[in-house]
Each structure stands twice: as C-alpha cells, then as structure tokens.
Amino acid sequence: MKLSELLKDEYGIDETQHNLSNKVRRGKFSAVFMLQVLEVIGCARIEV
C-alpha cells in the first residue's frame, strides 16, 4: 500500500504521491505530519 493511501485511510489526508515526495524532499512539513507518517508506516519507537 502506498503512503498516500495509508494517510488517506487513517487520517483523511488527501495528498498525491507527487505532493508527498515534494514535501519530504523540501523538508517542509509539520511535526504532526511527521508523527502521522511514522504511525501509518508502523514505527512504534523513536530513539534520540
């Protein structure tokens, strides 16, 4: 399943793969968006 589909199913975020790719490439996204992505890809723990 694609990230765009996971985000739409879980959070109702309607972003194309192209838009997501640009957002990540630029590094211009909110912390909330980052946490949503980490959750839908199954990341349960982050070590800093």
N, C-alpha and C. Protein backbone atom coordinates (compact mmCIF):
# COMPACT_ATOMS: atom_id res chain seq x y z
N MET A 1 0.85 -1.18 0.00
CA MET A 1 0.00 0.00 0.00
C MET A 1 0.89 1.24 0.00
N LYS A 2 0.49 2.25 -0.73
CA LYS A 2 1.27 3.49 -0.83
C LYS A 2 1.03 4.38 0.39
N LEU A 3 2.02 5.20 0.68
CA LEU A 3 1.92 6.13 1.81
C LEU A 3 0.70 7.03 1.66
N SER A 4 0.44 7.52 0.46
CA SER A 4 -0.72 8.40 0.25
C SER A 4 -2.02 7.68 0.61
N GLU A 5 -2.12 6.40 0.28
CA GLU A 5 -3.32 5.63 0.60
C GLU A 5 -3.44 5.40 2.11
N LEU A 6 -2.32 5.10 2.76
CA LEU A 6 -2.33 4.90 4.21
C LEU A 6 -2.77 6.16 4.94
N LEU A 7 -2.24 7.32 4.53
CA LEU A 7 -2.60 8.59 5.17
C LEU A 7 -4.07 8.93 4.94
N LYS A 8 -4.57 8.64 3.74
CA LYS A 8 -5.97 8.94 3.45
C LYS A 8 -6.90 8.04 4.26
N ASP A 9 -6.56 6.74 4.34
CA ASP A 9 -7.39 5.80 5.08
C ASP A 9 -7.41 6.10 6.58
N GLU A 10 -6.25 6.43 7.13
CA GLU A 10 -6.13 6.61 8.59
C GLU A 10 -6.54 8.01 9.05
N TYR A 11 -6.15 9.05 8.31
CA TYR A 11 -6.34 10.43 8.77
C TYR A 11 -7.15 11.31 7.83
N GLY A 12 -7.54 10.78 6.67
CA GLY A 12 -8.28 11.59 5.72
C GLY A 12 -7.43 12.61 4.99
N ILE A 13 -6.11 12.44 5.05
CA ILE A 13 -5.18 13.34 4.37
C ILE A 13 -5.15 12.95 2.90
N ASP A 14 -5.57 13.86 2.03
CA ASP A 14 -5.65 13.57 0.61
C ASP A 14 -4.49 14.24 -0.12
N GLU A 15 -3.36 13.57 -0.17
CA GLU A 15 -2.15 14.07 -0.83
C GLU A 15 -1.74 13.06 -1.90
N THR A 16 -1.31 13.56 -3.04
CA THR A 16 -0.81 12.66 -4.08
C THR A 16 0.61 12.22 -3.72
N GLN A 17 1.05 11.14 -4.35
CA GLN A 17 2.43 10.68 -4.14
C GLN A 17 3.41 11.78 -4.50
N HIS A 18 3.12 12.51 -5.58
CA HIS A 18 3.99 13.60 -6.02
C HIS A 18 4.09 14.70 -4.96
N ASN A 19 2.95 15.08 -4.39
CA ASN A 19 2.94 16.12 -3.35
C ASN A 19 3.71 15.66 -2.11
N LEU A 20 3.51 14.40 -1.71
CA LEU A 20 4.23 13.87 -0.54
C LEU A 20 5.72 13.83 -0.80
N SER A 21 6.11 13.42 -1.98
CA SER A 21 7.52 13.36 -2.34
C SER A 21 8.15 14.75 -2.27
N ASN A 22 7.47 15.75 -2.81
CA ASN A 22 7.99 17.12 -2.77
C ASN A 22 8.09 17.63 -1.34
N LYS A 23 7.08 17.35 -0.54
CA LYS A 23 7.05 17.80 0.85
C LYS A 23 8.25 17.24 1.62
N VAL A 24 8.49 15.94 1.45
CA VAL A 24 9.59 15.29 2.16
C VAL A 24 10.94 15.77 1.61
N ARG A 25 11.05 15.89 0.31
CA ARG A 25 12.30 16.34 -0.32
C ARG A 25 12.68 17.75 0.15
N ARG A 26 11.70 18.63 0.26
CA ARG A 26 11.97 20.00 0.72
C ARG A 26 12.22 20.06 2.22
N GLY A 27 11.70 19.07 2.94
CA GLY A 27 11.83 19.09 4.40
C GLY A 27 10.89 20.10 5.05
N LYS A 28 9.83 20.44 4.35
CA LYS A 28 8.87 21.44 4.84
C LYS A 28 7.56 20.77 5.22
N PHE A 29 7.49 20.26 6.45
CA PHE A 29 6.26 19.65 6.93
C PHE A 29 6.21 19.79 8.44
N SER A 30 5.02 19.68 8.97
CA SER A 30 4.82 19.88 10.41
C SER A 30 5.22 18.63 11.19
N ALA A 31 5.42 18.83 12.47
CA ALA A 31 5.72 17.70 13.36
C ALA A 31 4.53 16.75 13.41
N VAL A 32 3.33 17.28 13.35
CA VAL A 32 2.12 16.45 13.36
C VAL A 32 2.12 15.54 12.13
N PHE A 33 2.44 16.09 10.98
CA PHE A 33 2.50 15.29 9.76
C PHE A 33 3.55 14.20 9.90
N MET A 34 4.71 14.53 10.43
CA MET A 34 5.77 13.55 10.63
C MET A 34 5.30 12.41 11.53
N LEU A 35 4.62 12.74 12.62
CA LEU A 35 4.12 11.71 13.53
C LEU A 35 3.05 10.84 12.87
N GLN A 36 2.20 11.46 12.06
CA GLN A 36 1.18 10.69 11.34
C GLN A 36 1.83 9.70 10.37
N VAL A 37 2.85 10.16 9.66
CA VAL A 37 3.55 9.27 8.72
C VAL A 37 4.21 8.13 9.48
N LEU A 38 4.90 8.45 10.57
CA LEU A 38 5.56 7.41 11.34
C LEU A 38 4.56 6.37 11.86
N GLU A 39 3.39 6.84 12.26
CA GLU A 39 2.38 5.91 12.77
C GLU A 39 1.85 5.00 11.67
N VAL A 40 1.52 5.55 10.51
CA VAL A 40 0.94 4.71 9.45
C VAL A 40 1.95 3.75 8.84
N ILE A 41 3.25 4.04 8.96
CA ILE A 41 4.24 3.08 8.44
C ILE A 41 4.63 2.06 9.51
N GLY A 42 4.05 2.20 10.71
CA GLY A 42 4.25 1.19 11.73
C GLY A 42 5.41 1.45 12.67
N CYS A 43 5.91 2.66 12.72
CA CYS A 43 7.01 2.99 13.62
C CYS A 43 6.44 3.15 15.03
N ALA A 44 6.87 2.30 15.93
CA ALA A 44 6.35 2.31 17.30
C ALA A 44 7.28 3.01 18.27
N ARG A 45 8.53 3.25 17.85
CA ARG A 45 9.50 3.81 18.79
C ARG A 45 10.55 4.61 18.03
N ILE A 46 10.92 5.75 18.62
CA ILE A 46 11.97 6.60 18.05
C ILE A 46 12.99 6.86 19.16
N GLU A 47 14.24 6.59 18.86
CA GLU A 47 15.30 6.87 19.82
C GLU A 47 16.06 8.12 19.38
N VAL A 48 16.29 9.01 20.32
CA VAL A 48 17.07 10.22 20.03
C VAL A 48 18.28 10.30 20.92
